[in-house]
Amino acid sequence: TSMLERPPDFDFVDLYIPSNPFNSLANNIVPAVVLFSIVLGV
């Protein structure tokens, strides 16, 4: 079926921008946790 169908696009915003950092921590979303930590550190 790869000849015919396309999967949904990646949602980079949800992956990298943590609207809820505690949710990212609880669900092991590492990119979002790292970005949150960098923002706090800066």
PDB file of all heavy atoms in Angstrom:
ATOM      1  N   THR A   1       0.818  -1.221   0.000  1.00  0.00           N
ATOM      2  CA  THR A   1       0.000   0.000   0.000  1.00  0.00           C
ATOM      3  C   THR A   1       0.846   1.263   0.000  1.00  0.00           C
ATOM      4  O   THR A   1       0.315   2.356  -0.180  1.00  0.00           O
ATOM      5  CB  THR A   1      -0.922   0.027   1.232  1.00  0.00           C
ATOM      6  OG1 THR A   1      -0.126  -0.115   2.412  1.00  0.00           O
ATOM      7  CG2 THR A   1      -1.940  -1.090   1.172  1.00  0.00           C
ATOM      8  N   SER A   2       2.163   1.137   0.199  1.00  0.00           N
ATOM      9  CA  SER A   2       3.006   2.338   0.166  1.00  0.00           C
ATOM     10  C   SER A   2       2.971   2.998  -1.207  1.00  0.00           C
ATOM     11  O   SER A   2       3.296   4.178  -1.340  1.00  0.00           O
ATOM     12  CB  SER A   2       4.448   1.982   0.513  1.00  0.00           C
ATOM     13  OG  SER A   2       4.992   1.148  -0.476  1.00  0.00           O
ATOM     14  N   MET A   3       2.592   2.242  -2.237  1.00  0.00           N
ATOM     15  CA  MET A   3       2.460   2.825  -3.563  1.00  0.00           C
ATOM     16  C   MET A   3       1.303   3.814  -3.627  1.00  0.00           C
ATOM     17  O   MET A   3       1.243   4.646  -4.523  1.00  0.00           O
ATOM     18  CB  MET A   3       2.211   1.724  -4.601  1.00  0.00           C
ATOM     19  CG  MET A   3       3.271   0.653  -4.668  1.00  0.00           C
ATOM     20  SD  MET A   3       2.776  -0.649  -5.827  1.00  0.00           S
ATOM     21  CE  MET A   3       4.104  -1.822  -5.618  1.00  0.00           C
ATOM     22  N   LEU A   4       0.363   3.706  -2.678  1.00  0.00           N
ATOM     23  CA  LEU A   4      -0.893   4.432  -2.796  1.00  0.00           C
ATOM     24  C   LEU A   4      -1.135   5.442  -1.695  1.00  0.00           C
ATOM     25  O   LEU A   4      -1.826   6.436  -1.906  1.00  0.00           O
ATOM     26  CB  LEU A   4      -2.062   3.434  -2.793  1.00  0.00           C
ATOM     27  CG  LEU A   4      -1.879   2.153  -3.624  1.00  0.00           C
ATOM     28  CD1 LEU A   4      -3.054   1.225  -3.376  1.00  0.00           C
ATOM     29  CD2 LEU A   4      -1.747   2.485  -5.085  1.00  0.00           C
ATOM     30  N   GLU A   5      -0.625   5.203  -0.481  1.00  0.00           N
ATOM     31  CA  GLU A   5      -1.023   6.002   0.672  1.00  0.00           C
ATOM     32  C   GLU A   5       0.152   6.781   1.231  1.00  0.00           C
ATOM     33  O   GLU A   5       1.302   6.410   1.064  1.00  0.00           O
ATOM     34  CB  GLU A   5      -1.593   5.087   1.767  1.00  0.00           C
ATOM     35  CG  GLU A   5      -2.820   4.308   1.307  1.00  0.00           C
ATOM     36  CD  GLU A   5      -3.248   3.282   2.336  1.00  0.00           C
ATOM     37  OE1 GLU A   5      -2.537   3.128   3.348  1.00  0.00           O
ATOM     38  OE2 GLU A   5      -4.276   2.635   2.119  1.00  0.00           O
ATOM     39  N   ARG A   6      -0.175   7.856   1.938  1.00  0.00           N
ATOM     40  CA  ARG A   6       0.830   8.670   2.618  1.00  0.00           C
ATOM     41  C   ARG A   6       0.513   8.725   4.115  1.00  0.00           C
ATOM     42  O   ARG A   6      -0.629   8.939   4.493  1.00  0.00           O
ATOM     43  CB  ARG A   6       0.851  10.104   2.073  1.00  0.00           C
ATOM     44  CG  ARG A   6       1.293  10.205   0.630  1.00  0.00           C
ATOM     45  CD  ARG A   6       1.437  11.661   0.236  1.00  0.00           C
ATOM     46  NE  ARG A   6       2.477  12.325   0.997  1.00  0.00           N
ATOM     47  CZ  ARG A   6       3.767  12.321   0.651  1.00  0.00           C
ATOM     48  NH1 ARG A   6       4.151  11.676  -0.412  1.00  0.00           N
ATOM     49  NH2 ARG A   6       4.655  12.957   1.386  1.00  0.00           N
ATOM     50  N   PRO A   7       1.530   8.542   4.968  1.00  0.00           N
ATOM     51  CA  PRO A   7       1.294   8.656   6.410  1.00  0.00           C
ATOM     52  C   PRO A   7       1.178  10.113   6.815  1.00  0.00           C
ATOM     53  O   PRO A   7       1.554  11.011   6.069  1.00  0.00           O
ATOM     54  CB  PRO A   7       2.555   8.024   7.013  1.00  0.00           C
ATOM     55  CG  PRO A   7       3.612   8.305   5.994  1.00  0.00           C
ATOM     56  CD  PRO A   7       2.922   8.236   4.653  1.00  0.00           C
ATOM     57  N   PRO A   8       0.665  10.390   8.008  1.00  0.00           N
ATOM     58  CA  PRO A   8       0.588  11.783   8.475  1.00  0.00           C
ATOM     59  C   PRO A   8       1.979  12.376   8.675  1.00  0.00           C
ATOM     60  O   PRO A   8       2.934  11.662   8.956  1.00  0.00           O
ATOM     61  CB  PRO A   8      -0.163  11.664   9.816  1.00  0.00           C
ATOM     62  CG  PRO A   8       0.042  10.245  10.241  1.00  0.00           C
ATOM     63  CD  PRO A   8       0.121   9.445   8.987  1.00  0.00           C
ATOM     64  N   ASP A   9       2.092  13.682   8.523  1.00  0.00           N
ATOM     65  CA  ASP A   9       3.369  14.364   8.700  1.00  0.00           C
ATOM     66  C   ASP A   9       3.755  14.392  10.173  1.00  0.00           C
ATOM     67  O   ASP A   9       2.917  14.286  11.067  1.00  0.00           O
ATOM     68  CB  ASP A   9       3.289  15.791   8.164  1.00  0.00           C
ATOM     69  CG  ASP A   9       3.078  15.831   6.659  1.00  0.00           C
ATOM     70  OD1 ASP A   9       3.503  14.874   5.993  1.00  0.00           O
ATOM     71  OD2 ASP A   9       2.484  16.811   6.176  1.00  0.00           O
ATOM     72  N   PHE A  10       5.044  14.553  10.403  1.00  0.00           N
ATOM     73  CA  PHE A  10       5.526  14.694  11.772  1.00  0.00           C
ATOM     74  C   PHE A  10       5.040  16.005  12.377  1.00  0.00           C
ATOM     75  O   PHE A  10       4.952  17.022  11.693  1.00  0.00           O
ATOM     76  CB  PHE A  10       7.054  14.688  11.805  1.00  0.00           C
ATOM     77  CG  PHE A  10       7.655  13.340  11.573  1.00  0.00           C
ATOM     78  CD1 PHE A  10       8.285  13.053  10.381  1.00  0.00           C
ATOM     79  CD2 PHE A  10       7.596  12.377  12.548  1.00  0.00           C
ATOM     80  CE1 PHE A  10       8.851  11.822  10.166  1.00  0.00           C
ATOM     81  CE2 PHE A  10       8.163  11.131  12.341  1.00  0.00           C
ATOM     82  CZ  PHE A  10       8.791  10.849  11.147  1.00  0.00           C
ATOM     83  N   ASP A  11       4.754  15.976  13.666  1.00  0.00           N
ATOM     84  CA  ASP A  11       4.390  17.197  14.380  1.00  0.00           C
ATOM     85  C   ASP A  11       5.588  17.607  15.230  1.00  0.00           C
ATOM     86  O   ASP A  11       5.716  17.233  16.392  1.00  0.00           O
ATOM     87  CB  ASP A  11       3.162  16.950  15.257  1.00  0.00           C
ATOM     88  CG  ASP A  11       2.594  18.253  15.816  1.00  0.00           C
ATOM     89  OD1 ASP A  11       3.334  19.260  15.816  1.00  0.00           O
ATOM     90  OD2 ASP A  11       1.429  18.262  16.239  1.00  0.00           O
ATOM     91  N   PHE A  12       6.506  18.377  14.618  1.00  0.00           N
ATOM     92  CA  PHE A  12       7.719  18.780  15.320  1.00  0.00           C
ATOM     93  C   PHE A  12       7.403  19.725  16.480  1.00  0.00           C
ATOM     94  O   PHE A  12       8.145  19.772  17.459  1.00  0.00           O
ATOM     95  CB  PHE A  12       8.682  19.465  14.352  1.00  0.00           C
ATOM     96  CG  PHE A  12       9.315  18.522  13.373  1.00  0.00           C
ATOM     97  CD1 PHE A  12       8.872  18.448  12.068  1.00  0.00           C
ATOM     98  CD2 PHE A  12      10.355  17.704  13.765  1.00  0.00           C
ATOM     99  CE1 PHE A  12       9.457  17.572  11.170  1.00  0.00           C
ATOM    100  CE2 PHE A  12      10.947  16.829  12.878  1.00  0.00           C
ATOM    101  CZ  PHE A  12      10.498  16.763  11.572  1.00  0.00           C
ATOM    102  N   VAL A  13       6.312  20.483  16.372  1.00  0.00           N
ATOM    103  CA  VAL A  13       5.971  21.434  17.429  1.00  0.00           C
ATOM    104  C   VAL A  13       5.676  20.693  18.728  1.00  0.00           C
ATOM    105  O   VAL A  13       6.215  21.024  19.796  1.00  0.00           O
ATOM    106  CB  VAL A  13       4.767  22.299  17.008  1.00  0.00           C
ATOM    107  CG1 VAL A  13       4.318  23.180  18.164  1.00  0.00           C
ATOM    108  CG2 VAL A  13       5.125  23.159  15.800  1.00  0.00           C
ATOM    109  N   ASP A  14       4.820  19.662  18.647  1.00  0.00           N
ATOM    110  CA  ASP A  14       4.488  18.899  19.856  1.00  0.00           C
ATOM    111  C   ASP A  14       5.696  18.159  20.403  1.00  0.00           C
ATOM    112  O   ASP A  14       5.821  17.949  21.617  1.00  0.00           O
ATOM    113  CB  ASP A  14       3.368  17.897  19.555  1.00  0.00           C
ATOM    114  CG  ASP A  14       2.005  18.568  19.508  1.00  0.00           C
ATOM    115  OD1 ASP A  14       1.923  19.752  19.878  1.00  0.00           O
ATOM    116  OD2 ASP A  14       1.034  17.917  19.079  1.00  0.00           O
ATOM    117  N   LEU A  15       6.595  17.744  19.500  1.00  0.00           N
ATOM    118  CA  LEU A  15       7.744  16.956  19.931  1.00  0.00           C
ATOM    119  C   LEU A  15       8.772  17.813  20.668  1.00  0.00           C
ATOM    120  O   LEU A  15       9.400  17.361  21.618  1.00  0.00           O
ATOM    121  CB  LEU A  15       8.396  16.286  18.714  1.00  0.00           C
ATOM    122  CG  LEU A  15       9.587  15.367  18.991  1.00  0.00           C
ATOM    123  CD1 LEU A  15       9.150  14.167  19.839  1.00  0.00           C
ATOM    124  CD2 LEU A  15      10.196  14.886  17.684  1.00  0.00           C
ATOM    125  N   TYR A  16       8.913  19.067  20.238  1.00  0.00           N
ATOM    126  CA  TYR A  16      10.008  19.874  20.754  1.00  0.00           C
ATOM    127  C   TYR A  16       9.589  21.030  21.651  1.00  0.00           C
ATOM    128  O   TYR A  16      10.414  21.556  22.399  1.00  0.00           O
ATOM    129  CB  TYR A  16      10.848  20.433  19.591  1.00  0.00           C
ATOM    130  CG  TYR A  16      11.776  19.398  19.026  1.00  0.00           C
ATOM    131  CD1 TYR A  16      11.378  18.587  17.973  1.00  0.00           C
ATOM    132  CD2 TYR A  16      13.039  19.202  19.570  1.00  0.00           C
ATOM    133  CE1 TYR A  16      12.223  17.618  17.469  1.00  0.00           C
ATOM    134  CE2 TYR A  16      13.885  18.238  19.076  1.00  0.00           C
ATOM    135  CZ  TYR A  16      13.474  17.442  18.019  1.00  0.00           C
ATOM    136  OH  TYR A  16      14.307  16.471  17.529  1.00  0.00           O
ATOM    137  N   ILE A  17       8.342  21.467  21.570  1.00  0.00           N
ATOM    138  CA  ILE A  17       7.919  22.596  22.389  1.00  0.00           C
ATOM    139  C   ILE A  17       6.938  22.111  23.452  1.00  0.00           C
ATOM    140  O   ILE A  17       5.800  21.759  23.139  1.00  0.00           O
ATOM    141  CB  ILE A  17       7.287  23.705  21.529  1.00  0.00           C
ATOM    142  CG1 ILE A  17       8.301  24.183  20.476  1.00  0.00           C
ATOM    143  CG2 ILE A  17       6.835  24.869  22.403  1.00  0.00           C
ATOM    144  CD1 ILE A  17       7.785  25.263  19.570  1.00  0.00           C
ATOM    145  N   PRO A  18       7.355  22.066  24.720  1.00  0.00           N
ATOM    146  CA  PRO A  18       6.525  21.499  25.780  1.00  0.00           C
ATOM    147  C   PRO A  18       5.509  22.500  26.331  1.00  0.00           C
ATOM    148  O   PRO A  18       5.843  23.335  27.176  1.00  0.00           O
ATOM    149  CB  PRO A  18       7.542  21.106  26.852  1.00  0.00           C
ATOM    150  CG  PRO A  18       8.654  22.094  26.674  1.00  0.00           C
ATOM    151  CD  PRO A  18       8.688  22.456  25.213  1.00  0.00           C
ATOM    152  N   SER A  19       4.288  22.442  25.871  1.00  0.00           N
ATOM    153  CA  SER A  19       3.249  23.298  26.441  1.00  0.00           C
ATOM    154  C   SER A  19       3.005  22.943  27.902  1.00  0.00           C
ATOM    155  O   SER A  19       2.605  23.783  28.702  1.00  0.00           O
ATOM    156  CB  SER A  19       1.948  23.167  25.639  1.00  0.00           C
ATOM    157  OG  SER A  19       1.490  21.821  25.650  1.00  0.00           O
ATOM    158  N   ASN A  20       3.258  21.677  28.248  1.00  0.00           N
ATOM    159  CA  ASN A  20       3.145  21.230  29.637  1.00  0.00           C
ATOM    160  C   ASN A  20       4.392  20.417  29.969  1.00  0.00           C
ATOM    161  O   ASN A  20       4.460  19.230  29.666  1.00  0.00           O
ATOM    162  CB  ASN A  20       1.879  20.389  29.822  1.00  0.00           C
ATOM    163  CG  ASN A  20       1.695  19.943  31.264  1.00  0.00           C
ATOM    164  OD1 ASN A  20       2.582  20.104  32.107  1.00  0.00           O
ATOM    165  ND2 ASN A  20       0.541  19.367  31.557  1.00  0.00           N
ATOM    166  N   PRO A  21       5.416  21.052  30.566  1.00  0.00           N
ATOM    167  CA  PRO A  21       6.668  20.332  30.842  1.00  0.00           C
ATOM    168  C   PRO A  21       6.484  19.101  31.714  1.00  0.00           C
ATOM    169  O   PRO A  21       7.208  18.113  31.565  1.00  0.00           O
ATOM    170  CB  PRO A  21       7.531  21.387  31.553  1.00  0.00           C
ATOM    171  CG  PRO A  21       6.928  22.698  31.178  1.00  0.00           C
ATOM    172  CD  PRO A  21       5.469  22.444  30.999  1.00  0.00           C
ATOM    173  N   PHE A  22       5.516  19.137  32.615  1.00  0.00           N
ATOM    174  CA  PHE A  22       5.299  17.990  33.500  1.00  0.00           C
ATOM    175  C   PHE A  22       4.741  16.795  32.720  1.00  0.00           C
ATOM    176  O   PHE A  22       5.062  15.642  33.007  1.00  0.00           O
ATOM    177  CB  PHE A  22       4.367  18.383  34.647  1.00  0.00           C
ATOM    178  CG  PHE A  22       4.922  19.483  35.502  1.00  0.00           C
ATOM    179  CD1 PHE A  22       4.473  20.787  35.365  1.00  0.00           C
ATOM    180  CD2 PHE A  22       5.920  19.219  36.422  1.00  0.00           C
ATOM    181  CE1 PHE A  22       4.998  21.806  36.138  1.00  0.00           C
ATOM    182  CE2 PHE A  22       6.453  20.232  37.213  1.00  0.00           C
ATOM    183  CZ  PHE A  22       5.990  21.532  37.067  1.00  0.00           C
ATOM    184  N   ASN A  23       3.938  17.089  31.703  1.00  0.00           N
ATOM    185  CA  ASN A  23       3.463  16.019  30.833  1.00  0.00           C
ATOM    186  C   ASN A  23       4.623  15.420  30.048  1.00  0.00           C
ATOM    187  O   ASN A  23       4.704  14.195  29.862  1.00  0.00           O
ATOM    188  CB  ASN A  23       2.400  16.560  29.874  1.00  0.00           C
ATOM    189  CG  ASN A  23       1.890  15.509  28.912  1.00  0.00           C
ATOM    190  OD1 ASN A  23       1.198  14.574  29.297  1.00  0.00           O
ATOM    191  ND2 ASN A  23       2.239  15.644  27.642  1.00  0.00           N
ATOM    192  N   SER A  24       5.542  16.272  29.588  1.00  0.00           N
ATOM    193  CA  SER A  24       6.713  15.782  28.856  1.00  0.00           C
ATOM    194  C   SER A  24       7.589  14.915  29.754  1.00  0.00           C
ATOM    195  O   SER A  24       8.110  13.875  29.323  1.00  0.00           O
ATOM    196  CB  SER A  24       7.522  16.960  28.310  1.00  0.00           C
ATOM    197  OG  SER A  24       6.739  17.743  27.436  1.00  0.00           O
ATOM    198  N   LEU A  25       7.744  15.312  31.004  1.00  0.00           N
ATOM    199  CA  LEU A  25       8.517  14.507  31.949  1.00  0.00           C
ATOM    200  C   LEU A  25       7.840  13.170  32.220  1.00  0.00           C
ATOM    201  O   LEU A  25       8.490  12.115  32.242  1.00  0.00           O
ATOM    202  CB  LEU A  25       8.698  15.277  33.260  1.00  0.00           C
ATOM    203  CG  LEU A  25       9.737  16.405  33.253  1.00  0.00           C
ATOM    204  CD1 LEU A  25       9.531  17.321  34.445  1.00  0.00           C
ATOM    205  CD2 LEU A  25      11.143  15.826  33.260  1.00  0.00           C
ATOM    206  N   ALA A  26       6.517  13.214  32.420  1.00  0.00           N
ATOM    207  CA  ALA A  26       5.786  11.984  32.741  1.00  0.00           C
ATOM    208  C   ALA A  26       5.770  11.009  31.577  1.00  0.00           C
ATOM    209  O   ALA A  26       5.764   9.788  31.786  1.00  0.00           O
ATOM    210  CB  ALA A  26       4.354  12.329  33.160  1.00  0.00           C
ATOM    211  N   ASN A  27       5.776  11.532  30.339  1.00  0.00           N
ATOM    212  CA  ASN A  27       5.675  10.671  29.163  1.00  0.00           C
ATOM    213  C   ASN A  27       7.011  10.474  28.454  1.00  0.00           C
ATOM    214  O   ASN A  27       7.043   9.977  27.331  1.00  0.00           O
ATOM    215  CB  ASN A  27       4.646  11.242  28.182  1.00  0.00           C
ATOM    216  CG  ASN A  27       3.227  11.156  28.716  1.00  0.00           C
ATOM    217  OD1 ASN A  27       2.602  10.098  28.694  1.00  0.00           O
ATOM    218  ND2 ASN A  27       2.718  12.274  29.220  1.00  0.00           N
ATOM    219  N   ASN A  28       8.103  10.862  29.116  1.00  0.00           N
ATOM    220  CA  ASN A  28       9.445  10.592  28.609  1.00  0.00           C
ATOM    221  C   ASN A  28       9.673  11.202  27.220  1.00  0.00           C
ATOM    222  O   ASN A  28      10.312  10.605  26.364  1.00  0.00           O
ATOM    223  CB  ASN A  28       9.703   9.080  28.567  1.00  0.00           C
ATOM    224  CG  ASN A  28      11.179   8.766  28.641  1.00  0.00           C
ATOM    225  OD1 ASN A  28      11.930   9.485  29.287  1.00  0.00           O
ATOM    226  ND2 ASN A  28      11.604   7.711  27.971  1.00  0.00           N
ATOM    227  N   ILE A  29       9.141  12.412  26.992  1.00  0.00           N
ATOM    228  CA  ILE A  29       9.349  13.113  25.718  1.00  0.00           C
ATOM    229  C   ILE A  29      10.648  13.894  25.866  1.00  0.00           C
ATOM    230  O   ILE A  29      10.664  15.077  26.224  1.00  0.00           O
ATOM    231  CB  ILE A  29       8.157  14.028  25.392  1.00  0.00           C
ATOM    232  CG1 ILE A  29       6.852  13.228  25.423  1.00  0.00           C
ATOM    233  CG2 ILE A  29       8.334  14.679  24.028  1.00  0.00           C
ATOM    234  CD1 ILE A  29       5.598  14.072  25.233  1.00  0.00           C
ATOM    235  N   VAL A  30      11.758  13.227  25.588  1.00  0.00           N
ATOM    236  CA  VAL A  30      13.079  13.765  25.900  1.00  0.00           C
ATOM    237  C   VAL A  30      13.369  15.082  25.181  1.00  0.00           C
ATOM    238  O   VAL A  30      13.879  16.026  25.805  1.00  0.00           O
ATOM    239  CB  VAL A  30      14.163  12.717  25.590  1.00  0.00           C
ATOM    240  CG1 VAL A  30      15.548  13.276  25.896  1.00  0.00           C
ATOM    241  CG2 VAL A  30      13.918  11.456  26.402  1.00  0.00           C
ATOM    242  N   PRO A  31      13.105  15.230  23.869  1.00  0.00           N
ATOM    243  CA  PRO A  31      13.408  16.514  23.222  1.00  0.00           C
ATOM    244  C   PRO A  31      12.738  17.698  23.910  1.00  0.00           C
ATOM    245  O   PRO A  31      13.358  18.753  24.084  1.00  0.00           O
ATOM    246  CB  PRO A  31      12.879  16.314  21.794  1.00  0.00           C
ATOM    247  CG  PRO A  31      12.946  14.845  21.570  1.00  0.00           C
ATOM    248  CD  PRO A  31      12.606  14.243  22.885  1.00  0.00           C
ATOM    249  N   ALA A  32      11.461  17.531  24.295  1.00  0.00           N
ATOM    250  CA  ALA A  32      10.750  18.617  24.959  1.00  0.00           C
ATOM    251  C   ALA A  32      11.349  18.911  26.336  1.00  0.00           C
ATOM    252  O   ALA A  32      11.460  20.073  26.747  1.00  0.00           O
ATOM    253  CB  ALA A  32       9.263  18.280  25.089  1.00  0.00           C
ATOM    254  N   VAL A  33      11.753  17.863  27.055  1.00  0.00           N
ATOM    255  CA  VAL A  33      12.369  18.056  28.377  1.00  0.00           C
ATOM    256  C   VAL A  33      13.692  18.800  28.247  1.00  0.00           C
ATOM    257  O   VAL A  33      14.002  19.711  29.034  1.00  0.00           O
ATOM    258  CB  VAL A  33      12.576  16.690  29.068  1.00  0.00           C
ATOM    259  CG1 VAL A  33      13.399  16.849  30.343  1.00  0.00           C
ATOM    260  CG2 VAL A  33      11.231  16.044  29.391  1.00  0.00           C
ATOM    261  N   VAL A  34      14.491  18.427  27.240  1.00  0.00           N
ATOM    262  CA  VAL A  34      15.786  19.089  27.041  1.00  0.00           C
ATOM    263  C   VAL A  34      15.592  20.561  26.700  1.00  0.00           C
ATOM    264  O   VAL A  34      16.278  21.436  27.240  1.00  0.00           O
ATOM    265  CB  VAL A  34      16.581  18.361  25.937  1.00  0.00           C
ATOM    266  CG1 VAL A  34      17.819  19.167  25.549  1.00  0.00           C
ATOM    267  CG2 VAL A  34      16.981  16.975  26.405  1.00  0.00           C
ATOM    268  N   LEU A  35      14.648  20.860  25.799  1.00  0.00           N
ATOM    269  CA  LEU A  35      14.403  22.257  25.437  1.00  0.00           C
ATOM    270  C   LEU A  35      13.941  23.059  26.656  1.00  0.00           C
ATOM    271  O   LEU A  35      14.393  24.194  26.883  1.00  0.00           O
ATOM    272  CB  LEU A  35      13.360  22.336  24.322  1.00  0.00           C
ATOM    273  CG  LEU A  35      13.006  23.754  23.851  1.00  0.00           C
ATOM    274  CD1 LEU A  35      14.237  24.469  23.310  1.00  0.00           C
ATOM    275  CD2 LEU A  35      11.896  23.721  22.809  1.00  0.00           C
ATOM    276  N   PHE A  36      13.049  22.478  27.446  1.00  0.00           N
ATOM    277  CA  PHE A  36      12.575  23.145  28.667  1.00  0.00           C
ATOM    278  C   PHE A  36      13.741  23.427  29.617  1.00  0.00           C
ATOM    279  O   PHE A  36      13.865  24.530  30.182  1.00  0.00           O
ATOM    280  CB  PHE A  36      11.535  22.252  29.349  1.00  0.00           C
ATOM    281  CG  PHE A  36      11.104  22.721  30.703  1.00  0.00           C
ATOM    282  CD1 PHE A  36      10.389  23.898  30.865  1.00  0.00           C
ATOM    283  CD2 PHE A  36      11.415  21.967  31.830  1.00  0.00           C
ATOM    284  CE1 PHE A  36       9.990  24.329  32.130  1.00  0.00           C
ATOM    285  CE2 PHE A  36      11.017  22.384  33.092  1.00  0.00           C
ATOM    286  CZ  PHE A  36      10.303  23.566  33.239  1.00  0.00           C
ATOM    287  N   SER A  37      14.641  22.439  29.749  1.00  0.00           N
ATOM    288  CA  SER A  37      15.784  22.612  30.650  1.00  0.00           C
ATOM    289  C   SER A  37      16.734  23.675  30.127  1.00  0.00           C
ATOM    290  O   SER A  37      17.290  24.469  30.907  1.00  0.00           O
ATOM    291  CB  SER A  37      16.521  21.271  30.808  1.00  0.00           C
ATOM    292  OG  SER A  37      15.640  20.266  31.269  1.00  0.00           O
ATOM    293  N   ILE A  38      16.951  23.715  28.807  1.00  0.00           N
ATOM    294  CA  ILE A  38      17.834  24.733  28.224  1.00  0.00           C
ATOM    295  C   ILE A  38      17.264  26.135  28.451  1.00  0.00           C
ATOM    296  O   ILE A  38      17.998  27.074  28.801  1.00  0.00           O
ATOM    297  CB  ILE A  38      18.043  24.455  26.720  1.00  0.00           C
ATOM    298  CG1 ILE A  38      18.899  23.194  26.529  1.00  0.00           C
ATOM    299  CG2 ILE A  38      18.697  25.652  26.031  1.00  0.00           C
ATOM    300  CD1 ILE A  38      19.039  22.765  25.088  1.00  0.00           C
ATOM    301  N   VAL A  39      15.954  26.285  28.262  1.00  0.00           N
ATOM    302  CA  VAL A  39      15.320  27.588  28.483  1.00  0.00           C
ATOM    303  C   VAL A  39      15.506  28.035  29.928  1.00  0.00           C
ATOM    304  O   VAL A  39      15.849  29.199  30.212  1.00  0.00           O
ATOM    305  CB  VAL A  39      13.824  27.531  28.108  1.00  0.00           C
ATOM    306  CG1 VAL A  39      13.105  28.801  28.549  1.00  0.00           C
ATOM    307  CG2 VAL A  39      13.661  27.332  26.609  1.00  0.00           C
ATOM    308  N   LEU A  40      15.292  27.105  30.886  1.00  0.00           N
ATOM    309  CA  LEU A  40      15.486  27.447  32.299  1.00  0.00           C
ATOM    310  C   LEU A  40      16.936  27.809  32.580  1.00  0.00           C
ATOM    311  O   LEU A  40      17.230  28.770  33.311  1.00  0.00           O
ATOM    312  CB  LEU A  40      15.054  26.281  33.183  1.00  0.00           C
ATOM    313  CG  LEU A  40      13.557  25.986  33.292  1.00  0.00           C
ATOM    314  CD1 LEU A  40      13.325  24.831  34.256  1.00  0.00           C
ATOM    315  CD2 LEU A  40      12.783  27.220  33.765  1.00  0.00           C
ATOM    316  N   GLY A  41      17.874  27.015  32.011  1.00  0.00           N
ATOM    317  CA  GLY A  41      19.291  27.277  32.249  1.00  0.00           C
ATOM    318  C   GLY A  41      19.730  28.612  31.696  1.00  0.00           C
ATOM    319  O   GLY A  41      20.478  29.358  32.353  1.00  0.00           O
ATOM    320  N   VAL A  42      19.276  28.957  30.486  1.00  0.00           N
ATOM    321  CA  VAL A  42      19.621  30.249  29.885  1.00  0.00           C
ATOM    322  C   VAL A  42      19.027  31.391  30.713  1.00  0.00           C
ATOM    323  O   VAL A  42      19.677  32.426  30.941  1.00  0.00           O
ATOM    324  CB  VAL A  42      19.128  30.311  28.423  1.00  0.00           C
ATOM    325  CG1 VAL A  42      19.275  31.718  27.859  1.00  0.00           C
ATOM    326  CG2 VAL A  42      19.902  29.315  27.563  1.00  0.00           C
TER     327      VAL A  42
END
